[in-house]
Amino acid sequence: MKESEIMMKMAGRIKKLREEHGLSQQEFAAKIDYEKSNASRMESGKVNFRLLTLAKVAKVFNMTLSELMDIK
């Protein structure tokens, strides 16, 4: 899988999870200690995810990092 494809799949997964949990981008951003604009860029695949950020995202959704990263 190409880097850009991985980023887009992860971005889509994060957005879907956020919506399933009923969080606005602002609420989600606050939970991961991010600016709303950065959360928006994250969901659009314009950010290369840091491992620590992904760990925070997984925690918000009460899942392991491995579960979050299962994008196949």
Protein backbone atom coordinates (compact mmCIF):
# COMPACT_ATOMS: atom_id res chain seq x y z
CA MET A 1 0.00 0.00 0.00
CA LYS A 2 1.31 3.46 -0.88
CA GLU A 3 1.94 6.06 1.83
CA SER A 4 -0.80 8.34 0.52
CA GLU A 5 -3.27 5.45 0.47
CA ILE A 6 -2.43 4.54 4.08
CA MET A 7 -2.90 8.16 5.17
CA MET A 8 -6.27 8.45 3.42
CA LYS A 9 -7.53 5.17 4.90
CA MET A 10 -6.47 6.21 8.40
CA ALA A 11 -8.03 9.64 7.91
CA GLY A 12 -11.32 8.06 6.85
CA ARG A 13 -11.22 5.64 9.78
CA ILE A 14 -10.69 8.44 12.29
CA LYS A 15 -13.49 10.53 10.81
CA LYS A 16 -15.87 7.58 10.83
CA LEU A 17 -15.05 6.75 14.44
CA ARG A 18 -15.47 10.38 15.49
CA GLU A 19 -18.89 10.54 13.84
CA GLU A 20 -19.95 7.17 15.31
CA HIS A 21 -19.06 8.50 18.77
CA GLY A 22 -21.09 11.64 18.17
CA LEU A 23 -18.15 14.02 18.55
CA SER A 24 -17.77 17.27 16.70
CA GLN A 25 -14.33 18.06 15.29
CA GLN A 26 -13.94 20.64 18.06
CA GLU A 27 -14.75 18.10 20.80
CA PHE A 28 -12.49 15.48 19.23
CA ALA A 29 -9.64 17.97 18.87
CA ALA A 30 -9.93 18.95 22.53
CA LYS A 31 -9.77 15.31 23.61
CA ILE A 32 -6.49 14.72 21.75
CA ASP A 33 -5.07 18.15 22.64
CA TYR A 34 -5.11 19.35 19.03
CA GLU A 35 -6.28 22.52 17.33
CA LYS A 36 -9.56 22.07 15.45
CA SER A 37 -7.84 23.00 12.19
CA ASN A 38 -5.30 20.22 12.72
CA ALA A 39 -8.07 17.72 13.48
CA SER A 40 -9.73 18.75 10.22
CA ARG A 41 -6.46 18.26 8.34
CA MET A 42 -6.06 14.87 10.05
CA GLU A 43 -9.47 13.75 8.76
CA SER A 44 -8.69 14.92 5.25
CA GLY A 45 -5.43 12.95 5.06
CA LYS A 46 -3.22 16.03 4.95
CA VAL A 47 -1.29 15.15 8.12
CA ASN A 48 1.29 12.44 8.57
CA PHE A 49 0.19 10.89 11.86
CA ARG A 50 2.58 10.77 14.79
CA LEU A 51 2.50 7.62 16.86
CA LEU A 52 1.72 9.55 20.05
CA THR A 53 -1.19 11.29 18.34
CA LEU A 54 -2.57 7.95 17.16
CA ALA A 55 -2.27 6.61 20.71
CA LYS A 56 -4.37 9.56 21.95
CA VAL A 57 -6.93 8.92 19.20
CA ALA A 58 -7.16 5.24 20.15
CA LYS A 59 -7.69 6.18 23.79
CA VAL A 60 -10.56 8.54 22.89
CA PHE A 61 -12.32 5.68 21.12
CA ASN A 62 -11.48 3.17 23.89
CA MET A 63 -9.47 0.92 21.62
CA THR A 64 -5.92 -0.27 21.34
CA LEU A 65 -3.49 1.30 18.94
CA SER A 66 -3.46 -1.98 17.01
CA GLU A 67 -7.24 -1.90 16.65
CA LEU A 68 -7.16 1.69 15.42
CA MET A 69 -4.47 0.93 12.86
CA ASP A 70 -6.26 -2.12 11.42
CA ILE A 71 -7.07 -0.46 8.10
CA LYS A 72 -6.27 -3.28 5.63
